[in-house]
Amino acid sequence: MNFLAYISGAGDTDADMIRHVFPVHVVPADWMSSYGNWLAAEMSARLALIFTLWYFGVAFVSRRYFKSRAVKPWVIAYSFAVASVF
């Protein structure tokens, strides 16, 4: 039994209570059959969103950094590869 059962009124569905308790959400509450399924889907969607934004942010910043430098990233990678051989 979840906490929504304790605060819900008569005739309220889990989706209605999710919309009331969590007004900002990534996954619509109507897509899931229960609160537990919605909670797992919401957590996975938020983690995927955070990871994707972090990845593209790092890629953008590193691209601007290497573009502004005289030494290109493939030269740095090549020099590390050559240095590790010797």
C-alpha atoms as a PDB file:
ATOM      1  CA  MET A   1       0.000   0.000   0.000  1.00  0.00           C
ATOM      2  CA  ASN A   2       1.375   3.396  -0.892  1.00  0.00           C
ATOM      3  CA  PHE A   3       1.000   6.780   0.723  1.00  0.00           C
ATOM      4  CA  LEU A   4      -1.501   7.936  -1.916  1.00  0.00           C
ATOM      5  CA  ALA A   5      -4.079   5.577  -0.438  1.00  0.00           C
ATOM      6  CA  TYR A   6      -3.958   7.485   2.850  1.00  0.00           C
ATOM      7  CA  ILE A   7      -4.537  10.951   1.399  1.00  0.00           C
ATOM      8  CA  SER A   8      -6.867  10.157  -1.484  1.00  0.00           C
ATOM      9  CA  GLY A   9     -10.539  10.888  -1.395  1.00  0.00           C
ATOM     10  CA  ALA A  10     -13.359   8.694  -2.596  1.00  0.00           C
ATOM     11  CA  GLY A  11     -13.203   8.046  -6.321  1.00  0.00           C
ATOM     12  CA  ASP A  12      -9.752   9.519  -6.855  1.00  0.00           C
ATOM     13  CA  THR A  13      -7.411   7.517  -9.033  1.00  0.00           C
ATOM     14  CA  ASP A  14      -3.663   7.259  -8.607  1.00  0.00           C
ATOM     15  CA  ALA A  15      -3.227   9.519 -11.645  1.00  0.00           C
ATOM     16  CA  ASP A  16      -5.378  12.235 -10.051  1.00  0.00           C
ATOM     17  CA  MET A  17      -3.395  12.101  -6.823  1.00  0.00           C
ATOM     18  CA  ILE A  18      -0.037  12.118  -8.665  1.00  0.00           C
ATOM     19  CA  ARG A  19      -1.095  15.236 -10.558  1.00  0.00           C
ATOM     20  CA  HIS A  20      -2.162  16.853  -7.271  1.00  0.00           C
ATOM     21  CA  VAL A  21       0.940  15.938  -5.230  1.00  0.00           C
ATOM     22  CA  PHE A  22       3.543  16.279  -8.025  1.00  0.00           C
ATOM     23  CA  PRO A  23       2.497  19.149 -10.328  1.00  0.00           C
ATOM     24  CA  VAL A  24       5.797  19.050 -12.285  1.00  0.00           C
ATOM     25  CA  HIS A  25       6.569  15.690 -13.848  1.00  0.00           C
ATOM     26  CA  VAL A  26       8.236  14.287 -16.979  1.00  0.00           C
ATOM     27  CA  VAL A  27       6.084  11.177 -17.428  1.00  0.00           C
ATOM     28  CA  PRO A  28       2.313  11.763 -17.555  1.00  0.00           C
ATOM     29  CA  ALA A  29       0.543   9.992 -14.703  1.00  0.00           C
ATOM     30  CA  ASP A  30      -2.059   8.478 -17.034  1.00  0.00           C
ATOM     31  CA  TRP A  31       0.563   6.341 -18.764  1.00  0.00           C
ATOM     32  CA  MET A  32       1.167   4.111 -15.731  1.00  0.00           C
ATOM     33  CA  SER A  33      -1.192   1.756 -13.966  1.00  0.00           C
ATOM     34  CA  SER A  34      -0.008   2.382 -10.414  1.00  0.00           C
ATOM     35  CA  TYR A  35       1.984   4.823  -8.330  1.00  0.00           C
ATOM     36  CA  GLY A  36       4.971   2.464  -8.022  1.00  0.00           C
ATOM     37  CA  ASN A  37       5.244   2.046 -11.791  1.00  0.00           C
ATOM     38  CA  TRP A  38       4.922   5.782 -12.334  1.00  0.00           C
ATOM     39  CA  LEU A  39       7.561   6.527  -9.707  1.00  0.00           C
ATOM     40  CA  ALA A  40      10.081   4.173 -11.350  1.00  0.00           C
ATOM     41  CA  ALA A  41       9.354   5.585 -14.817  1.00  0.00           C
ATOM     42  CA  GLU A  42       9.606   9.172 -13.565  1.00  0.00           C
ATOM     43  CA  MET A  43      12.922   8.507 -11.840  1.00  0.00           C
ATOM     44  CA  SER A  44      14.371   6.813 -14.938  1.00  0.00           C
ATOM     45  CA  ALA A  45      13.194   9.610 -17.216  1.00  0.00           C
ATOM     46  CA  ARG A  46      14.681  12.311 -14.980  1.00  0.00           C
ATOM     47  CA  LEU A  47      18.013  10.497 -14.711  1.00  0.00           C
ATOM     48  CA  ALA A  48      18.139  10.025 -18.489  1.00  0.00           C
ATOM     49  CA  LEU A  49      17.335  13.717 -18.996  1.00  0.00           C
ATOM     50  CA  ILE A  50      20.023  14.834 -16.546  1.00  0.00           C
ATOM     51  CA  PHE A  51      22.647  12.527 -18.086  1.00  0.00           C
ATOM     52  CA  THR A  52      21.806  13.662 -21.633  1.00  0.00           C
ATOM     53  CA  LEU A  53      21.970  17.357 -20.720  1.00  0.00           C
ATOM     54  CA  TRP A  54      25.249  16.797 -18.838  1.00  0.00           C
ATOM     55  CA  TYR A  55      26.765  14.916 -21.794  1.00  0.00           C
ATOM     56  CA  PHE A  56      25.867  17.579 -24.347  1.00  0.00           C
ATOM     57  CA  GLY A  57      26.969  20.362 -21.978  1.00  0.00           C
ATOM     58  CA  VAL A  58      30.405  18.790 -21.510  1.00  0.00           C
ATOM     59  CA  ALA A  59      30.687  18.169 -25.261  1.00  0.00           C
ATOM     60  CA  PHE A  60      29.791  21.797 -26.000  1.00  0.00           C
ATOM     61  CA  VAL A  61      32.229  23.238 -23.469  1.00  0.00           C
ATOM     62  CA  SER A  62      35.095  20.962 -24.498  1.00  0.00           C
ATOM     63  CA  ARG A  63      34.500  21.700 -28.177  1.00  0.00           C
ATOM     64  CA  ARG A  64      34.668  25.443 -27.533  1.00  0.00           C
ATOM     65  CA  TYR A  65      37.794  24.946 -25.423  1.00  0.00           C
ATOM     66  CA  PHE A  66      39.645  22.922 -28.054  1.00  0.00           C
ATOM     67  CA  LYS A  67      38.479  25.214 -30.851  1.00  0.00           C
ATOM     68  CA  SER A  68      40.010  28.228 -29.120  1.00  0.00           C
ATOM     69  CA  ARG A  69      43.365  26.530 -28.586  1.00  0.00           C
ATOM     70  CA  ALA A  70      46.104  26.274 -31.211  1.00  0.00           C
ATOM     71  CA  VAL A  71      46.637  22.576 -30.499  1.00  0.00           C
ATOM     72  CA  LYS A  72      43.849  20.378 -31.794  1.00  0.00           C
ATOM     73  CA  PRO A  73      42.537  17.440 -29.693  1.00  0.00           C
ATOM     74  CA  TRP A  74      43.697  14.801 -32.161  1.00  0.00           C
ATOM     75  CA  VAL A  75      47.265  16.140 -31.807  1.00  0.00           C
ATOM     76  CA  ILE A  76      47.051  15.758 -28.035  1.00  0.00           C
ATOM     77  CA  ALA A  77      45.669  12.231 -28.350  1.00  0.00           C
ATOM     78  CA  TYR A  78      48.405  11.336 -30.842  1.00  0.00           C
ATOM     79  CA  SER A  79      51.142  12.712 -28.580  1.00  0.00           C
ATOM     80  CA  PHE A  80      49.820  10.680 -25.638  1.00  0.00           C
ATOM     81  CA  ALA A  81      49.723   7.556 -27.797  1.00  0.00           C
ATOM     82  CA  VAL A  82      53.301   8.090 -28.969  1.00  0.00           C
ATOM     83  CA  ALA A  83      54.513   8.876 -25.453  1.00  0.00           C
ATOM     84  CA  SER A  84      52.921   5.719 -24.044  1.00  0.00           C
ATOM     85  CA  VAL A  85      54.756   3.551 -26.591  1.00  0.00           C
ATOM     86  CA  PHE A  86      58.187   4.790 -25.540  1.00  0.00           C
END
